[in-house]
N, C-alpha and C. Protein backbone atom coordinates (compact mmCIF):
# COMPACT_ATOMS: atom_id res chain seq x y z
N MET A 1 0.72 -1.15 0.08
CA MET A 1 -0.03 -0.02 -0.15
C MET A 1 0.88 1.35 0.02
N TYR A 2 0.43 2.28 -0.74
CA TYR A 2 1.19 3.50 -0.97
C TYR A 2 1.46 4.41 0.29
N LEU A 3 0.34 4.29 1.12
CA LEU A 3 0.04 5.26 2.33
C LEU A 3 0.13 4.33 3.66
N THR A 4 1.35 4.40 3.99
CA THR A 4 1.37 3.69 5.32
C THR A 4 1.26 4.47 6.57
N SER A 5 1.19 3.96 7.81
CA SER A 5 0.97 4.87 8.86
C SER A 5 2.14 5.61 9.32
N GLU A 6 3.16 5.16 8.84
CA GLU A 6 4.59 5.92 9.07
C GLU A 6 4.64 7.11 8.14
N THR A 7 4.01 6.78 6.97
CA THR A 7 4.01 8.01 6.03
C THR A 7 3.07 9.15 6.35
N LYS A 8 1.94 8.66 6.93
CA LYS A 8 1.11 9.64 7.45
C LYS A 8 1.56 10.39 8.67
N LYS A 9 2.22 9.63 9.55
CA LYS A 9 2.72 10.39 10.55
C LYS A 9 3.81 11.49 10.24
N GLU A 10 4.82 10.90 9.28
CA GLU A 10 5.75 12.07 8.70
C GLU A 10 5.07 13.18 8.21
N ILE A 11 3.96 13.14 7.36
CA ILE A 11 3.19 14.09 6.71
C ILE A 11 2.56 15.04 7.86
N PHE A 12 1.93 14.60 8.94
CA PHE A 12 1.51 15.36 10.02
C PHE A 12 2.33 16.01 10.93
N LYS A 13 3.59 15.28 11.04
CA LYS A 13 4.65 15.84 11.81
C LYS A 13 5.17 17.01 11.11
N LYS A 14 5.46 16.97 9.69
CA LYS A 14 5.97 18.05 8.97
C LYS A 14 5.07 19.31 8.76
N HIS A 15 3.69 18.82 8.46
CA HIS A 15 2.79 20.09 8.22
C HIS A 15 1.86 20.33 9.25
N GLY A 16 1.69 19.44 10.37
CA GLY A 16 0.73 19.64 11.42
C GLY A 16 1.58 20.18 12.54
N LYS A 17 0.93 20.09 13.72
CA LYS A 17 1.63 20.18 14.94
C LYS A 17 2.35 19.34 15.61
N SER A 18 1.78 18.14 15.43
CA SER A 18 2.69 16.84 15.90
C SER A 18 2.09 15.75 15.02
N GLU A 19 2.82 14.65 15.16
CA GLU A 19 2.43 13.40 14.21
C GLU A 19 0.98 12.71 14.67
N ALA A 20 0.56 13.02 15.72
CA ALA A 20 -0.91 12.60 16.17
C ALA A 20 -1.81 13.60 15.77
N ASP A 21 -1.46 14.84 15.34
CA ASP A 21 -2.53 15.73 14.97
C ASP A 21 -3.07 15.51 13.52
N SER A 22 -4.07 14.89 13.51
CA SER A 22 -4.57 14.45 12.25
C SER A 22 -5.80 15.32 11.88
N GLY A 23 -6.08 16.17 12.79
CA GLY A 23 -7.33 16.97 12.55
C GLY A 23 -7.14 18.54 12.15
N SER A 24 -5.75 19.11 12.07
CA SER A 24 -5.58 20.44 11.69
C SER A 24 -5.80 20.40 10.15
N ALA A 25 -6.19 21.67 9.69
CA ALA A 25 -6.40 21.90 8.24
C ALA A 25 -5.30 21.75 7.57
N GLU A 26 -3.94 22.29 8.12
CA GLU A 26 -2.68 21.92 7.25
C GLU A 26 -2.27 20.52 6.99
N GLY A 27 -2.69 19.67 8.18
CA GLY A 27 -2.16 18.41 8.03
C GLY A 27 -3.15 17.57 7.00
N GLN A 28 -4.38 18.02 6.96
CA GLN A 28 -5.34 17.32 6.00
C GLN A 28 -5.05 17.83 4.74
N ALA A 29 -4.74 19.00 4.53
CA ALA A 29 -4.41 19.54 3.08
C ALA A 29 -3.17 18.69 2.68
N ALA A 30 -2.19 18.55 3.40
CA ALA A 30 -0.92 17.90 3.03
C ALA A 30 -1.18 16.61 2.84
N LEU A 31 -2.01 15.80 3.64
CA LEU A 31 -2.40 14.40 3.28
C LEU A 31 -3.17 14.28 1.87
N PHE A 32 -4.02 15.18 1.67
CA PHE A 32 -4.66 15.21 0.37
C PHE A 32 -3.87 15.42 -0.72
N THR A 33 -2.98 16.43 -0.44
CA THR A 33 -2.01 16.71 -1.64
C THR A 33 -1.25 15.46 -2.10
N TYR A 34 -0.79 14.66 -1.01
CA TYR A 34 0.09 13.54 -1.07
C TYR A 34 -0.87 12.42 -2.09
N ARG A 35 -1.77 12.31 -1.44
CA ARG A 35 -2.74 11.33 -2.29
C ARG A 35 -3.15 11.78 -3.55
N ILE A 36 -3.34 13.04 -3.92
CA ILE A 36 -3.62 13.73 -5.21
C ILE A 36 -2.60 13.27 -6.13
N ASN A 37 -1.16 13.72 -5.74
CA ASN A 37 0.05 13.41 -6.37
C ASN A 37 0.11 11.87 -6.71
N HIS A 38 -0.19 11.08 -5.73
CA HIS A 38 -0.19 9.64 -6.11
C HIS A 38 -1.06 9.07 -7.19
N LEU A 39 -2.32 9.63 -7.08
CA LEU A 39 -3.52 9.19 -8.08
C LEU A 39 -2.97 9.83 -9.40
N THR A 40 -2.44 10.97 -9.43
CA THR A 40 -2.18 11.79 -10.67
C THR A 40 -1.05 10.98 -11.36
N GLU A 41 -0.18 10.15 -10.82
CA GLU A 41 0.88 9.33 -11.27
C GLU A 41 0.29 8.25 -11.77
N HIS A 42 -0.69 7.57 -11.04
CA HIS A 42 -1.41 6.44 -11.46
C HIS A 42 -2.15 6.63 -12.69
N LEU A 43 -3.01 7.85 -12.91
CA LEU A 43 -3.63 7.97 -14.09
C LEU A 43 -2.86 8.38 -15.26
N LYS A 44 -1.63 8.77 -15.06
CA LYS A 44 -0.78 8.75 -16.28
C LYS A 44 -0.33 7.66 -17.05
N ASN A 45 -0.33 6.73 -16.11
CA ASN A 45 -0.01 5.33 -16.77
C ASN A 45 -1.31 4.52 -16.94
N ASN A 46 -2.54 4.73 -16.42
CA ASN A 46 -3.70 4.11 -16.61
C ASN A 46 -4.80 5.09 -17.11
N ARG A 47 -4.85 5.41 -18.15
CA ARG A 47 -5.73 6.66 -18.32
C ARG A 47 -7.20 6.24 -18.59
N LYS A 48 -7.43 5.10 -18.59
CA LYS A 48 -8.94 4.59 -18.63
C LYS A 48 -9.62 4.18 -17.39
N ASP A 49 -8.72 4.53 -16.29
CA ASP A 49 -9.34 4.09 -14.95
C ASP A 49 -10.17 5.11 -14.57
N PHE A 50 -11.40 4.97 -14.93
CA PHE A 50 -12.25 6.04 -14.54
C PHE A 50 -12.73 6.19 -13.05
N ALA A 51 -12.81 4.96 -12.28
CA ALA A 51 -13.09 5.01 -10.88
C ALA A 51 -11.89 5.83 -10.06
N THR A 52 -10.67 5.68 -10.54
CA THR A 52 -9.61 6.54 -10.09
C THR A 52 -9.73 7.92 -10.32
N GLU A 53 -10.09 8.19 -11.33
CA GLU A 53 -10.23 9.59 -12.04
C GLU A 53 -11.44 10.18 -11.16
N LYS A 54 -12.62 9.61 -10.93
CA LYS A 54 -13.68 10.27 -9.94
C LYS A 54 -12.97 10.33 -8.66
N ALA A 55 -12.21 9.38 -8.07
CA ALA A 55 -11.90 9.60 -6.52
C ALA A 55 -10.85 10.93 -6.54
N LEU A 56 -9.96 11.03 -7.65
CA LEU A 56 -9.15 12.23 -7.75
C LEU A 56 -9.96 13.47 -7.80
N VAL A 57 -10.93 13.58 -8.54
CA VAL A 57 -11.94 14.80 -8.46
C VAL A 57 -12.23 14.99 -7.09
N ASP A 58 -12.91 13.76 -6.58
CA ASP A 58 -13.54 14.20 -5.14
C ASP A 58 -12.45 14.54 -4.21
N LEU A 59 -11.21 13.91 -4.22
CA LEU A 59 -10.12 14.62 -3.39
C LEU A 59 -9.68 15.89 -3.50
N VAL A 60 -9.80 16.31 -4.91
CA VAL A 60 -9.37 17.81 -5.12
C VAL A 60 -10.42 18.68 -4.61
N GLY A 61 -11.58 18.24 -4.63
CA GLY A 61 -12.65 19.00 -4.22
C GLY A 61 -12.71 19.06 -2.55
N LYS A 62 -12.35 18.09 -1.77
CA LYS A 62 -12.06 18.09 -0.37
C LYS A 62 -10.99 19.10 0.08
N ARG A 63 -9.83 18.90 -0.82
CA ARG A 63 -8.79 19.80 -0.40
C ARG A 63 -9.14 21.18 -0.82
N ARG A 64 -9.91 21.43 -1.62
CA ARG A 64 -10.22 23.01 -1.93
C ARG A 64 -11.16 23.41 -0.84
N LYS A 65 -12.01 22.59 -0.46
CA LYS A 65 -12.96 22.86 0.88
C LYS A 65 -12.28 23.34 1.90
N ILE A 66 -11.13 22.49 2.37
CA ILE A 66 -10.40 22.67 3.51
C ILE A 66 -9.51 23.82 3.27
N LEU A 67 -9.02 23.98 2.13
CA LEU A 67 -8.07 25.33 2.08
C LEU A 67 -9.06 26.48 1.78
N GLY A 68 -10.41 26.55 1.64
CA GLY A 68 -11.28 27.69 1.65
C GLY A 68 -11.47 27.89 3.07
N TYR A 69 -11.77 26.95 3.93
CA TYR A 69 -12.03 27.00 5.27
C TYR A 69 -10.74 27.73 5.93
N LEU A 70 -9.67 27.41 5.56
CA LEU A 70 -8.21 27.94 6.20
C LEU A 70 -8.20 29.59 5.70
N LYS A 71 -8.56 29.64 4.22
CA LYS A 71 -8.50 31.05 4.04
C LYS A 71 -9.19 32.14 4.63
N ASN A 72 -10.60 31.47 4.80
CA ASN A 72 -11.52 32.42 5.68
C ASN A 72 -11.21 32.44 7.13
N LYS A 73 -10.46 31.57 7.79
CA LYS A 73 -10.25 31.34 9.13
C LYS A 73 -9.16 32.33 9.55
N ASP A 74 -7.89 32.01 8.81
CA ASP A 74 -6.60 32.58 9.00
C ASP A 74 -5.81 32.65 7.73
N ILE A 75 -5.67 33.66 7.10
CA ILE A 75 -5.00 33.99 5.91
C ILE A 75 -3.56 33.54 5.89
N THR A 76 -2.94 33.83 7.07
CA THR A 76 -1.54 33.81 7.07
C THR A 76 -1.05 32.03 7.13
N ARG A 77 -2.02 31.40 7.73
CA ARG A 77 -1.64 30.06 7.68
C ARG A 77 -2.10 29.37 6.35
N TYR A 78 -2.95 29.85 5.81
CA TYR A 78 -3.47 29.53 4.35
C TYR A 78 -2.36 29.77 3.38
N ARG A 79 -1.65 30.95 3.36
CA ARG A 79 -0.54 31.32 2.54
C ARG A 79 0.60 30.54 2.88
N ALA A 80 1.01 30.19 4.15
CA ALA A 80 1.94 29.30 4.57
C ALA A 80 1.80 27.94 4.17
N ILE A 81 0.77 27.42 4.19
CA ILE A 81 0.56 25.98 3.50
C ILE A 81 0.69 25.90 2.20
N ILE A 82 0.04 26.79 1.50
CA ILE A 82 0.12 26.88 -0.17
C ILE A 82 1.49 26.84 -0.51
N ALA A 83 2.35 27.77 0.08
CA ALA A 83 3.75 27.84 -0.25
C ALA A 83 4.59 26.80 0.18
N GLU A 84 4.02 26.13 1.22
CA GLU A 84 4.86 24.89 1.63
C GLU A 84 4.48 23.62 0.70
N LEU A 85 3.23 23.53 0.26
CA LEU A 85 2.94 22.54 -0.59
C LEU A 85 3.20 22.66 -1.98
N GLY A 86 3.37 23.80 -2.42
CA GLY A 86 3.59 24.27 -3.84
C GLY A 86 2.33 24.11 -4.80
N ILE A 87 1.20 24.55 -4.03
CA ILE A 87 -0.20 24.74 -4.82
C ILE A 87 -0.56 25.90 -5.22
N ARG A 88 -0.79 26.30 -6.57
CA ARG A 88 -1.27 27.39 -7.13
C ARG A 88 -2.64 27.64 -6.73
N LYS A 89 -2.95 28.82 -6.51
CA LYS A 89 -4.33 29.24 -6.09
C LYS A 89 -4.75 30.39 -6.81
């Protein structure tokens, strides 16, 4: 499996407050970005995998909602996570 518990802990430790902090908006956005990048690579090789394409679109929507929440709540945290993840908005 591409996403192990150790990988999740590293993502949350780097982008969240701690490795057990899976509820912060920054940690969730980072996790969604990791999953989006993985699915994008999968779809480059398997272009007719429409179920994965649907899952990718759903993940992008979830990340967009979380980033929208963060933008309305605290613009400095939003700008920091956008720069850290390399997401254009």
